[in-house]
Structures are given as structure tokens and as C-alpha cells.
């Protein structure tokens, strides 16, 4: 019998990036090291995770393209659906339970591989096939004398949605622990390893290259979705990134003020007009690790005075935050810094008047930037760990939208994405407010109705004394953008 290949890496094809499977082995080691330190985790405890399941589109037999559940991917890197994973805490011994496929799977879906294939494919210690009755899972866990099963139960503080703990036939035969796993594994996902960061550097660069192709190709009378398609084609054809990290935001003109434009109700379907600003928030993922990058620029490559003012206000905020990002800095302080810089620029331009400190107390920053400054990024675009136990969510306008309020630590990957938008509802609220309207020069303010907005988003990694800019290859200043785009007419 021929020996199966034993790749030590994942790669989406012969020309794609190779990711060492040691990434997941190291994650399992880190998890076990932390769990062994907890008094509530006895000898003989076993972590059990349920992977993602095959999903159909509504009542049809159309299978939605599968993407692995994020915690399962972090621990095992398994590509197939309907799997289970287990790790013995004492030893780090890793076990996969793969679905026992019917014979006709080979007709429609391809070769049915033996357990040894998956053992080598994923560099795990054991692989067993299990049916829907889960008898094999129960039998193997009993054979190992599991003292306690550590299960994943908790609330994703970004989405508010619960995780789904493993629950299989016969699980009631074991002592179950829902208290220890979630917080530890979530915190470990926040703190990226060098191998994880290497993947993120790659996928961010693929996204940056695709953004630059869009900037070169975009022109007046092109539809927003045509620009989006250029981005997606570049990510897949040039970077082997089949999936996007999220639905692409391909806004232009007034649509740039819609923060999550590009959804099914506003599907990037408008025609881009000469003179429009474009706001393209688009990022791809590779091996489940994502990027999140936003570029704002004029479609014709030339900034008007108003466009230049807003853009440079946002860029100054971005760079001020970037210069201040390092271990120990509170993310709330960075958000306030971004607001302050933008307000200073708007005052210098003549749109606002009065004392900037008074503006900050009146929450004027939230009128122009109602979203949070940024979010953790990794296997999920809005990655886990924003509000662990002990970190309170701010309640002030603007700050209430922050996806984390933590003090930064070296190894965190986070986006920096200040913006300045002119949203009719918020503009009206400001004008109706006696306190806020006192800072507004109404004639200048009114001129920016239907302007849209500007957002600049970069991905960075926090270090001890500074941060690493992953999206470093993009033209960002007004001059750089105009030169790069050739000041199209």
C-alpha cells in the first residue's frame, strides 16, 4: 500500500501560501498549558469542541459553501464539516472524530479517505469515524477515563450571540464543565502567535494589492459592483483567497455615509459618478484568517478642496492613533484621540467653532464618527475578546459603539479605522440640540449634505513600544493617491 503524503502545511493550491500545521499544534499546547494551571480543571479533563455543520439554503438541497467554526479552526484547522475535536489536557493528545460517510459519497463528492489520511493531513494523534449516534465519541472518551469534559459556552461580546457547546448522544454520561474553557480560549485567540501573524500579513497584503487594482481601474459610470468584482477577482486569482472576510462595502458619493453599505438591501448597485468619493471597505481571508481594509479616494483621482479637508482630517486621526498605539494604551483613549483630531480639523476648516474641549464634552465627535475606532481581527473579522470579564462597556455617545475598551497588549491584532461622515439623521440631531448646534457654522455644515464620508482603515499588530502596520503598501496621503491614480479626468 502506497504511503500517504504527510504535508506539514496547508496550502490552497501549488501557488498559494503554505501555512504550517504547527500553528494549530502550538495553539493546542497553549490551551493545555493554561488549563493545567486552573484549580477547577482536574487531571484527566478533556476539551471537546463541535465543528461547523453542513448548511443548506432554506428548504432546498443547495449546500452553502462551508467555512469551519472559528474555535474549531483555531484548535485543529479542519476543513471538512460535521467533525468533532478533543484534546486531553494532561498530555495535549489530539483527537478528531470525522463523519462516517456513506458509500455513495464517493460518487458525488470524491474519495472516502481512511482515518490515517486525516491523521497525517491535520497532524493529530488520533482519528476516529463516528456516526450520528455518536457511539464512537462516547466509547473513546470512556476509554480515556475522562474525569471531566470541558465545553465551550459563553457569549461573543461583539455579536451578543452564544457559542454552541458540544452536545452529543451520551454526553450526560460524563461530568460536564462549562465554566473554564470559553474565557481562556477566547483570550488566547486575542493574543496572536507569530505563525498566525504570518498568515495575517499575507492576507492583508493580498487585500492591499487588490485595493490598488481597484484604484487603478475605477472610473466614472462604472457600477459599484464592477469595482467590487475587480477586488474579489484579484484576491482569488492572485492570492488564492476564495472567501471575503465580510460583504464588501463598495460605496460612492452619498452612500459613503452608510456605514454598512453593501448588504442585500443596498448591494453596491449604483453607478459611480464623476466627482464622487469612493469608500471601499473590502478584505479577503485565507485559511480563515482575515483582513479588513478601507480605502477612500475620488473616482477621478483628484481631490476637491472639500474632499481633501475631510480626508486629511481622517488621515491625521489615523496617524495620531497609530503613533499612540502600543502596549498599555487604553483603546478608549485612542478613540477619544481620533475624535479630537477630527474636530480640530473641522474647526480649522470653518465648519465648527468654539473650544474643542467643550466639543468633546458635548460629544460632537459622535456626530461625525458614530462607530467605534476599531476592532480585534483574526479568524473572525470582528474577532473575539473585546469585553472579557472585568472590562466594562462605555455608555457615552460614540464610545458605546466601541467593540473593545481594553488596555492594549503586545500580540493583539486590531484595526484602526477613524471616519468622518455626514449622515442626515445625525446632522439634524446636532442642529436640533441647543448644546451641539452652538458649535456649528450652519452654512458650511449644510454644504456637506450628500457629501457622504471618508473612512481610512488599517490593520495593525500591537507591540511593546509601537505597532506594526500590516497594510503598509497602500497610498494614503492625498499626494500619494493622486500620483498613484494618475489624477484621472
Protein backbone atom coordinates (compact mmCIF):
# COMPACT_ATOMS: atom_id res chain seq x y z
CA UNK A 1 0.00 0.00 0.00
CA UNK A 2 1.35 3.40 -1.00
CA UNK A 3 2.33 5.76 1.79
CA UNK A 4 0.11 8.81 2.05
CA UNK A 5 1.83 12.20 1.78
CA UNK A 6 2.46 13.93 5.06
CA UNK A 7 2.33 17.66 4.41
CA UNK A 8 3.38 19.81 7.33
CA UNK A 9 1.36 22.71 5.98
CA UNK A 10 -1.93 23.83 4.49
CA UNK A 11 -1.96 25.44 1.06
CA UNK A 12 -4.80 26.32 -1.30
CA UNK A 13 -3.06 25.00 -4.39
CA UNK A 14 0.53 24.83 -5.65
CA UNK A 15 1.00 28.62 -5.95
CA UNK A 16 -0.66 29.59 -2.68
CA UNK A 17 0.87 30.41 0.67
CA UNK A 18 1.89 27.47 2.85
CA UNK A 19 0.68 27.62 6.44
CA UNK A 20 2.40 25.23 8.86
CA UNK A 21 0.10 22.87 10.72
CA UNK A 22 2.33 23.58 13.71
CA UNK A 23 0.16 26.70 14.08
CA UNK A 24 -2.66 24.56 15.47
CA UNK A 25 -0.40 22.29 17.44
CA UNK A 26 1.02 25.34 19.19
CA UNK A 27 -2.50 26.62 19.89
CA UNK A 28 -3.41 23.30 21.49
CA UNK A 29 -0.25 23.44 23.60
CA UNK A 30 -1.02 26.97 24.74
CA UNK A 31 -4.55 25.99 25.70
CA UNK A 32 -3.45 22.96 27.71
CA UNK A 33 -0.73 24.95 29.47
CA UNK A 34 -3.29 27.47 30.68
CA UNK A 35 -5.93 24.91 31.61
CA UNK A 36 -3.45 22.89 33.68
CA UNK A 37 -2.90 25.96 35.86
CA UNK A 38 -6.58 26.16 36.88
CA UNK A 39 -7.66 24.63 40.16
CA UNK A 40 -11.06 23.67 38.73
CA UNK A 41 -9.59 21.53 35.95
CA UNK A 42 -8.74 18.07 37.29
CA UNK A 43 -6.31 15.53 35.93
CA UNK A 44 -7.96 13.57 33.16
CA UNK A 45 -10.00 16.51 31.81
CA UNK A 46 -10.67 16.58 28.08
CA UNK A 47 -11.61 19.55 25.90
CA UNK A 48 -14.39 18.72 23.42
CA UNK A 49 -15.40 21.01 20.56
CA UNK A 50 -18.10 20.68 17.95
CA UNK A 51 -17.08 21.84 14.48
CA UNK A 52 -19.27 23.55 11.93
CA UNK A 53 -22.06 21.61 10.26
CA UNK A 54 -23.24 21.27 6.68
CA UNK A 55 -25.77 24.04 5.95
CA UNK A 56 -28.48 24.08 3.30
CA UNK A 57 -30.05 27.16 1.75
CA UNK A 58 -33.50 27.33 3.26
CA UNK A 59 -35.59 24.29 2.25
CA UNK A 60 -33.51 23.34 -0.78
CA UNK A 61 -30.73 20.79 -1.21
CA UNK A 62 -28.30 23.58 -2.12
CA UNK A 63 -25.29 23.38 0.19
CA UNK A 64 -23.81 26.69 1.32
CA UNK A 65 -20.04 26.78 0.87
CA UNK A 66 -18.63 25.55 4.13
CA UNK A 67 -16.37 27.57 6.40
CA UNK A 68 -15.18 25.99 9.62
CA UNK A 69 -16.43 27.21 13.01
CA UNK A 70 -13.80 29.60 14.31
CA UNK A 71 -12.80 27.94 17.60
CA UNK A 72 -12.56 24.58 15.85
CA UNK A 73 -10.36 26.09 13.18
CA UNK A 74 -8.11 27.74 15.76
CA UNK A 75 -7.55 24.42 17.51
CA UNK A 76 -7.42 21.98 14.57
CA UNK A 77 -7.56 23.68 11.15
CA UNK A 78 -10.03 21.07 9.89
CA UNK A 79 -11.58 21.92 6.52
CA UNK A 80 -14.42 19.39 6.49
CA UNK A 81 -17.84 19.91 8.11
CA UNK A 82 -19.59 17.75 10.72
CA UNK A 83 -16.46 16.97 12.74
CA UNK A 84 -15.67 16.91 16.45
CA UNK A 85 -12.37 17.61 18.15
CA UNK A 86 -10.98 16.64 21.54
CA UNK A 87 -7.76 17.44 23.40
CA UNK A 88 -6.52 15.67 26.52
CA UNK A 89 -5.42 18.46 28.84
CA UNK A 90 -2.77 16.44 30.69
CA UNK A 91 -0.88 15.32 27.60
CA UNK A 92 -2.07 17.52 24.73
CA UNK A 93 -3.10 14.37 22.84
CA UNK A 94 -5.32 15.49 19.96
CA UNK A 95 -8.29 13.56 18.60
CA UNK A 96 -10.54 14.15 15.60
CA UNK A 97 -13.89 12.48 15.09
CA UNK A 98 -14.73 12.53 11.40
CA UNK A 99 -18.17 11.64 9.97
CA UNK A 100 -18.56 8.04 8.82
CA UNK A 101 -19.58 8.77 5.23
CA UNK A 102 -21.97 6.61 3.18
CA UNK A 103 -20.59 4.68 0.23
CA UNK A 104 -22.27 6.89 -2.39
CA UNK A 105 -20.30 9.88 -1.11
CA UNK A 106 -17.53 8.61 -3.39
CA UNK A 107 -19.83 9.01 -6.41
CA UNK A 108 -20.86 12.60 -5.78
CA UNK A 109 -18.18 14.15 -3.59
CA UNK A 110 -14.95 12.21 -4.08
CA UNK A 111 -12.72 9.70 -2.38
CA UNK A 112 -13.61 8.44 1.08
CA UNK A 113 -10.29 8.53 2.91
CA UNK A 114 -9.26 6.27 5.79
CA UNK A 115 -8.51 7.66 9.28
CA UNK A 116 -4.76 7.59 8.62
CA UNK A 117 -5.23 10.13 5.82
CA UNK A 118 -6.80 12.69 8.17
CA UNK A 119 -4.31 11.93 10.91
CA UNK A 120 -1.48 12.99 8.61
CA UNK A 121 -3.45 15.74 6.87
CA UNK A 122 -4.09 17.54 10.15
CA UNK A 123 -1.08 16.33 12.15
CA UNK A 124 -3.20 14.99 15.03
CA UNK A 125 -2.62 11.98 17.25
CA UNK A 126 -5.84 10.07 16.66
CA UNK A 127 -8.69 10.00 14.15
CA UNK A 128 -11.91 8.01 14.55
CA UNK A 129 -15.02 7.80 12.39
CA UNK A 130 -18.33 8.36 14.13
CA UNK A 131 -21.96 8.05 13.08
CA UNK A 132 -24.89 10.25 14.06
CA UNK A 133 -25.46 8.18 17.20
CA UNK A 134 -22.01 9.35 18.39
CA UNK A 135 -21.28 5.94 19.89
CA UNK A 136 -17.61 6.19 18.93
CA UNK A 137 -17.17 9.56 20.67
CA UNK A 138 -18.63 8.19 23.90
CA UNK A 139 -16.62 4.97 23.67
CA UNK A 140 -13.29 6.74 23.11
CA UNK A 141 -13.84 9.29 25.89
CA UNK A 142 -14.74 6.48 28.29
CA UNK A 143 -11.69 4.52 27.22
CA UNK A 144 -9.59 7.53 28.22
CA UNK A 145 -11.33 7.75 31.62
CA UNK A 146 -12.30 11.37 31.07
CA UNK A 147 -12.72 12.95 34.51
CA UNK A 148 -14.49 15.98 33.10
CA UNK A 149 -15.41 17.33 29.68
CA UNK A 150 -14.53 21.00 29.18
CA UNK A 151 -17.13 22.51 26.87
CA UNK A 152 -17.32 25.86 25.10
CA UNK A 153 -20.15 28.02 26.38
CA UNK A 154 -20.14 31.81 26.51
CA UNK A 155 -21.36 34.97 24.83
CA UNK A 156 -19.49 36.59 21.98
CA UNK A 157 -19.24 40.11 23.38
CA UNK A 158 -19.04 41.59 19.90
CA UNK A 159 -22.14 39.99 18.40
CA UNK A 160 -24.04 39.13 21.57
CA UNK A 161 -24.54 35.61 20.23
CA UNK A 162 -23.82 32.48 22.27
CA UNK A 163 -21.30 29.85 21.28
CA UNK A 164 -22.69 26.36 20.78
CA UNK A 165 -21.12 23.85 23.18
CA UNK A 166 -20.60 20.24 22.16
CA UNK A 167 -23.75 18.21 22.77
CA UNK A 168 -23.89 14.63 21.57
CA UNK A 169 -25.81 11.46 22.35
CA UNK A 170 -24.42 10.07 25.57
CA UNK A 171 -22.74 13.25 26.80
CA UNK A 172 -24.79 13.02 30.01
CA UNK A 173 -22.63 10.04 31.00
CA UNK A 174 -19.76 12.45 31.77
CA UNK A 175 -19.17 15.29 34.23
CA UNK A 176 -19.51 18.49 32.25
CA UNK A 177 -17.72 21.81 32.80
CA UNK A 178 -18.99 24.94 31.04
CA UNK A 179 -17.08 27.42 33.19
CA UNK A 180 -13.39 27.24 32.33
CA UNK A 181 -12.86 26.84 28.58
CA UNK A 182 -14.54 29.84 26.97
CA UNK A 183 -12.68 32.71 28.62
CA UNK A 184 -9.27 31.07 28.26
CA UNK A 185 -9.59 30.02 24.63
CA UNK A 186 -11.07 33.42 23.69
CA UNK A 187 -8.17 35.25 25.34
CA UNK A 188 -5.67 33.01 23.58
CA UNK A 189 -7.31 33.88 20.26
CA UNK A 190 -6.81 37.58 21.07
CA UNK A 191 -3.07 37.10 21.57
CA UNK A 192 -1.74 36.05 18.18
CA UNK A 193 1.26 33.76 17.71
CA UNK A 194 4.00 34.51 15.20
CA UNK A 195 2.60 31.82 12.89
CA UNK A 196 -0.86 33.39 12.99
CA UNK A 197 0.56 36.83 12.32
CA UNK A 198 2.45 35.49 9.34
CA UNK A 199 -0.86 34.41 7.77
CA UNK A 200 -2.41 37.77 8.59
CA UNK A 201 0.48 39.66 6.99
CA UNK A 202 -0.08 37.63 3.85
CA UNK A 203 -3.84 38.06 3.63
CA UNK A 204 -3.63 41.78 4.40
CA UNK A 205 -1.11 42.24 1.60
CA UNK A 206 -3.38 40.36 -0.81
CA UNK A 207 -6.19 42.75 0.13
CA UNK A 208 -3.95 45.79 -0.27
CA UNK A 209 -2.86 44.68 -3.73
CA UNK A 210 -6.49 44.16 -4.71
CA UNK A 211 -7.44 47.62 -3.41
CA UNK A 212 -4.70 49.14 -5.55
CA UNK A 213 -6.04 47.32 -8.62
CA UNK A 214 -9.46 48.81 -7.92
CA UNK A 215 -7.99 52.31 -7.58
CA UNK A 216 -6.25 51.90 -10.93
CA UNK A 217 -9.33 50.53 -12.70
CA UNK A 218 -12.23 52.52 -11.26
CA UNK A 219 -13.73 55.27 -13.39
CA UNK A 220 -16.89 57.34 -13.65
CA UNK A 221 -20.01 55.49 -14.88
CA UNK A 222 -18.68 52.17 -13.60
CA UNK A 223 -21.05 50.42 -11.22
CA UNK A 224 -20.04 49.85 -7.64
CA UNK A 225 -20.34 46.09 -8.09
CA UNK A 226 -17.94 46.17 -11.04
CA UNK A 227 -15.34 47.72 -8.75
CA UNK A 228 -16.15 45.10 -6.13
CA UNK A 229 -15.68 42.34 -8.69
CA UNK A 230 -12.18 43.62 -9.53
CA UNK A 231 -11.26 43.35 -5.87
CA UNK A 232 -12.66 39.84 -5.46
CA UNK A 233 -11.05 38.58 -8.67
CA UNK A 234 -7.64 39.89 -7.63
CA UNK A 235 -7.90 38.27 -4.18
CA UNK A 236 -8.78 34.86 -5.63
CA UNK A 237 -6.69 34.85 -8.82
CA UNK A 238 -3.57 36.44 -7.34
CA UNK A 239 -3.76 35.45 -3.69
CA UNK A 240 -5.76 32.19 -3.60
CA UNK A 241 -8.27 33.86 -1.26
CA UNK A 242 -11.63 32.37 -2.23
CA UNK A 243 -13.68 33.95 0.54
CA UNK A 244 -14.14 37.54 1.63
CA UNK A 245 -13.88 38.34 5.33
CA UNK A 246 -17.29 40.08 5.10
CA UNK A 247 -19.64 41.50 2.47
CA UNK A 248 -17.72 44.11 0.52
CA UNK A 249 -18.69 47.75 1.06
CA UNK A 250 -18.35 49.44 -2.33
CA UNK A 251 -19.85 52.85 -1.59
CA UNK A 252 -19.60 56.06 -3.60
CA UNK A 253 -20.96 59.57 -3.26
CA UNK A 254 -23.65 59.98 -0.61
CA UNK A 255 -23.66 56.21 0.01
CA UNK A 256 -20.30 56.59 1.76
CA UNK A 257 -22.28 57.85 4.77
CA UNK A 258 -24.00 54.45 5.13
CA UNK A 259 -21.64 52.67 7.49
CA UNK A 260 -22.53 49.11 6.47
CA UNK A 261 -23.43 49.74 2.83
CA UNK A 262 -23.26 46.73 0.52
CA UNK A 263 -25.82 44.49 2.22
CA UNK A 264 -28.70 42.83 0.34
CA UNK A 265 -30.85 45.95 0.63
CA UNK A 266 -28.04 48.22 -0.68
CA UNK A 267 -25.98 45.78 -2.77
CA UNK A 268 -23.29 48.00 -4.33
CA UNK A 269 -25.56 48.50 -7.33
CA UNK A 270 -25.26 52.23 -8.03
CA UNK A 271 -23.36 53.99 -10.80
CA UNK A 272 -20.25 55.86 -9.67
CA UNK A 273 -20.38 59.47 -10.83
CA UNK A 274 -17.52 61.76 -11.78
CA UNK A 275 -16.59 63.80 -8.72
CA UNK A 276 -17.72 61.12 -6.24
CA UNK A 277 -15.63 59.99 -3.34
CA UNK A 278 -15.38 56.21 -3.16
CA UNK A 279 -15.27 54.37 0.15
CA UNK A 280 -14.27 50.74 -0.44
CA UNK A 281 -14.19 48.66 2.74
CA UNK A 282 -13.11 45.25 1.50
CA UNK A 283 -10.95 42.44 2.81
CA UNK A 284 -10.37 38.80 1.99
CA UNK A 285 -9.44 35.82 4.13
CA UNK A 286 -7.00 32.96 3.74
CA UNK A 287 -7.29 29.78 5.75
CA UNK A 288 -9.99 31.52 7.81
CA UNK A 289 -7.64 34.36 8.85
CA UNK A 290 -8.98 37.68 7.64
CA UNK A 291 -8.07 41.22 6.74
CA UNK A 292 -10.18 44.38 6.93
CA UNK A 293 -9.00 47.38 4.91
CA UNK A 294 -10.75 50.57 3.81
CA UNK A 295 -9.57 52.97 1.12
CA UNK A 296 -11.27 56.30 0.41
CA UNK A 297 -10.42 58.26 -2.74
CA UNK A 298 -12.03 60.36 -5.50
CA UNK A 299 -13.10 58.31 -8.51
CA UNK A 300 -11.35 60.69 -10.89
CA UNK A 301 -8.14 60.67 -8.87
CA UNK A 302 -8.29 64.36 -7.96
CA UNK A 303 -9.43 65.70 -4.58
CA UNK A 304 -11.62 68.79 -4.41
CA UNK A 305 -10.89 71.20 -1.56
CA UNK A 306 -13.79 69.82 0.49
CA UNK A 307 -12.78 66.20 -0.16
CA UNK A 308 -9.19 67.00 0.73
CA UNK A 309 -10.21 68.63 4.02
CA UNK A 310 -12.31 65.68 5.19
CA UNK A 311 -9.78 63.12 4.00
CA UNK A 312 -6.85 64.82 5.69
CA UNK A 313 -8.82 65.15 8.94
CA UNK A 314 -9.38 61.39 8.96
CA UNK A 315 -5.81 60.60 7.91
CA UNK A 316 -4.44 62.82 10.69
CA UNK A 317 -6.65 60.97 13.18
CA UNK A 318 -5.46 57.63 11.83
CA UNK A 319 -1.81 58.53 12.13
CA UNK A 320 -2.21 60.09 15.58
CA UNK A 321 -3.81 56.89 16.84
CA UNK A 322 -1.19 54.75 15.13
CA UNK A 323 1.61 56.76 16.75
CA UNK A 324 -0.05 56.24 20.14
CA UNK A 325 -0.74 52.51 19.76
CA UNK A 326 1.45 50.32 21.93
CA UNK A 327 1.22 48.05 24.94
CA UNK A 328 -0.60 49.60 27.90
CA UNK A 329 -2.61 52.20 25.96
CA UNK A 330 -6.36 52.20 26.63
CA UNK A 331 -8.36 51.79 23.43
CA UNK A 332 -10.99 54.24 24.72
CA UNK A 333 -8.28 56.90 24.91
CA UNK A 334 -7.32 56.18 21.30
CA UNK A 335 -10.94 56.65 20.23
CA UNK A 336 -11.12 59.99 22.02
CA UNK A 337 -7.84 61.00 20.40
CA UNK A 338 -9.29 60.29 16.94
CA UNK A 339 -12.40 62.33 17.72
CA UNK A 340 -10.32 65.26 18.97
CA UNK A 341 -8.08 65.35 15.89
CA UNK A 342 -11.08 65.30 13.54
CA UNK A 343 -12.85 68.08 15.47
CA UNK A 344 -9.70 70.23 15.38
CA UNK A 345 -9.53 69.88 11.59
CA UNK A 346 -13.23 70.67 11.16
CA UNK A 347 -12.80 73.76 13.34
CA UNK A 348 -9.74 74.93 11.40
CA UNK A 349 -11.70 74.48 8.17
CA UNK A 350 -14.51 76.68 9.48
CA UNK A 351 -17.27 74.10 9.90
CA UNK A 352 -17.08 74.19 13.70
CA UNK A 353 -16.40 76.96 16.20
CA UNK A 354 -15.65 77.18 19.89
CA UNK A 355 -13.43 75.29 22.29
CA UNK A 356 -12.53 71.73 21.29
CA UNK A 357 -12.59 70.55 24.91
CA UNK A 358 -16.17 71.82 25.15
CA UNK A 359 -16.97 69.99 21.90
CA UNK A 360 -15.63 66.78 23.38
CA UNK A 361 -17.80 67.19 26.47
CA UNK A 362 -20.80 67.75 24.18
CA UNK A 363 -19.99 64.53 22.30
CA UNK A 364 -19.60 66.32 18.98
CA UNK A 365 -17.22 63.58 17.83
CA UNK A 366 -20.10 61.09 17.70
CA UNK A 367 -21.93 63.27 15.17
CA UNK A 368 -19.13 62.73 12.66
CA UNK A 369 -17.85 59.30 13.78
CA UNK A 370 -20.71 57.31 15.34
CA UNK A 371 -18.87 53.98 15.12
CA UNK A 372 -16.02 52.67 17.27
CA UNK A 373 -12.42 53.29 16.30
CA UNK A 374 -11.61 49.66 15.52
CA UNK A 375 -11.91 46.02 16.49
CA UNK A 376 -9.83 42.93 17.04
CA UNK A 377 -9.23 40.92 13.89
CA UNK A 378 -8.16 37.33 13.29
CA UNK A 379 -10.19 34.26 12.42
CA UNK A 380 -13.28 36.46 12.66
CA UNK A 381 -13.40 39.94 11.16
CA UNK A 382 -14.73 41.25 14.47
CA UNK A 383 -12.62 38.87 16.49
CA UNK A 384 -13.42 37.65 19.98
CA UNK A 385 -12.24 39.02 23.31
CA UNK A 386 -13.37 42.63 23.16
CA UNK A 387 -15.01 42.60 26.57
CA UNK A 388 -13.63 39.87 28.82
CA UNK A 389 -14.72 39.69 32.47
CA UNK A 390 -13.77 42.88 34.27
CA UNK A 391 -13.85 45.20 31.23
CA UNK A 392 -16.90 47.45 31.19
CA UNK A 393 -18.55 48.71 28.02
CA UNK A 394 -18.64 52.53 27.80
CA UNK A 395 -22.05 54.19 27.58
CA UNK A 396 -21.22 57.65 26.18
CA UNK A 397 -22.27 58.54 22.61
CA UNK A 398 -19.71 57.20 20.15
CA UNK A 399 -17.88 55.26 22.84
CA UNK A 400 -20.89 52.97 23.27
CA UNK A 401 -20.15 51.56 19.81
CA UNK A 402 -16.59 50.55 20.70
CA UNK A 403 -16.00 46.85 20.09
CA UNK A 404 -13.40 46.80 22.85
CA UNK A 405 -12.44 49.05 25.74
CA UNK A 406 -9.35 47.12 26.77
CA UNK A 407 -5.82 48.22 27.51
CA UNK A 408 -3.70 47.03 24.62
CA UNK A 409 -1.22 44.16 24.91
CA UNK A 410 1.62 43.15 22.62
CA UNK A 411 0.36 40.46 20.23
CA UNK A 412 -3.12 41.87 19.73
CA UNK A 413 -4.20 42.46 16.13
CA UNK A 414 -6.63 45.34 15.76
CA UNK A 415 -7.98 47.69 13.12
CA UNK A 416 -7.56 51.44 13.23
CA UNK A 417 -10.45 52.93 11.26
CA UNK A 418 -11.40 56.52 12.06
CA UNK A 419 -14.02 58.12 9.83
CA UNK A 420 -15.82 61.37 9.22
CA UNK A 421 -19.35 61.11 7.82
CA UNK A 422 -22.22 63.45 7.09
CA UNK A 423 -25.32 61.47 7.99
CA UNK A 424 -28.58 63.37 7.64
CA UNK A 425 -30.16 61.98 10.80
CA UNK A 426 -27.15 62.85 12.97
CA UNK A 427 -26.74 66.25 11.32
CA UNK A 428 -30.38 67.02 12.08
CA UNK A 429 -29.99 65.88 15.67
CA UNK A 430 -26.98 68.14 16.13
CA UNK A 431 -28.82 71.13 14.70
CA UNK A 432 -31.79 70.45 16.97
CA UNK A 433 -29.56 70.24 20.04
CA UNK A 434 -29.07 73.58 21.76
CA UNK A 435 -25.72 72.42 23.15
CA UNK A 436 -24.29 70.94 19.96
CA UNK A 437 -25.66 73.46 17.47
CA UNK A 438 -23.73 76.22 19.25
CA UNK A 439 -20.51 74.75 17.78
CA UNK A 440 -21.79 74.55 14.19
CA UNK A 441 -21.26 77.04 11.38
CA UNK A 442 -24.55 76.27 9.68
CA UNK A 443 -23.74 77.44 6.16
CA UNK A 444 -20.56 75.35 5.90
CA UNK A 445 -22.21 72.42 7.65
CA UNK A 446 -25.13 72.46 5.19
CA UNK A 447 -22.76 72.35 2.23
CA UNK A 448 -21.75 68.81 3.21
CA UNK A 449 -25.23 67.35 2.91
CA UNK A 450 -24.95 64.42 0.46
CA UNK A 451 -21.13 64.55 0.70
CA UNK A 452 -21.03 61.00 2.08
CA UNK A 453 -18.00 60.31 4.18
CA UNK A 454 -14.42 59.13 4.47
CA UNK A 455 -13.03 56.16 6.34
CA UNK A 456 -9.40 55.01 6.44
CA UNK A 457 -8.89 51.54 7.87
CA UNK A 458 -5.63 49.79 8.55
CA UNK A 459 -4.73 46.51 10.27
CA UNK A 460 -2.03 46.70 12.92
CA UNK A 461 -0.34 44.44 15.46
CA UNK A 462 0.34 45.89 18.90
CA UNK A 463 3.96 45.72 20.06
CA UNK A 464 5.63 46.74 23.30
CA UNK A 465 6.68 50.22 22.20
CA UNK A 466 4.73 50.76 18.95
CA UNK A 467 2.62 48.89 16.44
CA UNK A 468 3.30 47.04 13.18
CA UNK A 469 1.30 48.32 10.23
CA UNK A 470 0.19 45.33 8.16
CA UNK A 471 -1.46 47.41 5.41
CA UNK A 472 1.70 49.41 4.80
CA UNK A 473 1.75 49.22 0.99
CA UNK A 474 -1.27 51.44 0.31
CA UNK A 475 -1.04 55.01 -0.96
CA UNK A 476 -2.55 57.01 1.88
CA UNK A 477 -1.74 60.72 1.63
CA UNK A 478 -3.61 62.96 -0.81
CA UNK A 479 -0.44 63.36 -2.86
CA UNK A 480 0.28 59.62 -2.91
CA UNK A 481 -3.26 58.81 -4.03
CA UNK A 482 -3.32 61.43 -6.79
CA UNK A 483 0.05 60.29 -8.14
CA UNK A 484 -0.93 56.62 -7.92
CA UNK A 485 -4.26 57.16 -9.67
CA UNK A 486 -2.76 59.50 -12.26
CA UNK A 487 -5.30 62.26 -11.47
CA UNK A 488 -7.87 60.79 -13.86
CA UNK A 489 -10.17 63.16 -15.67
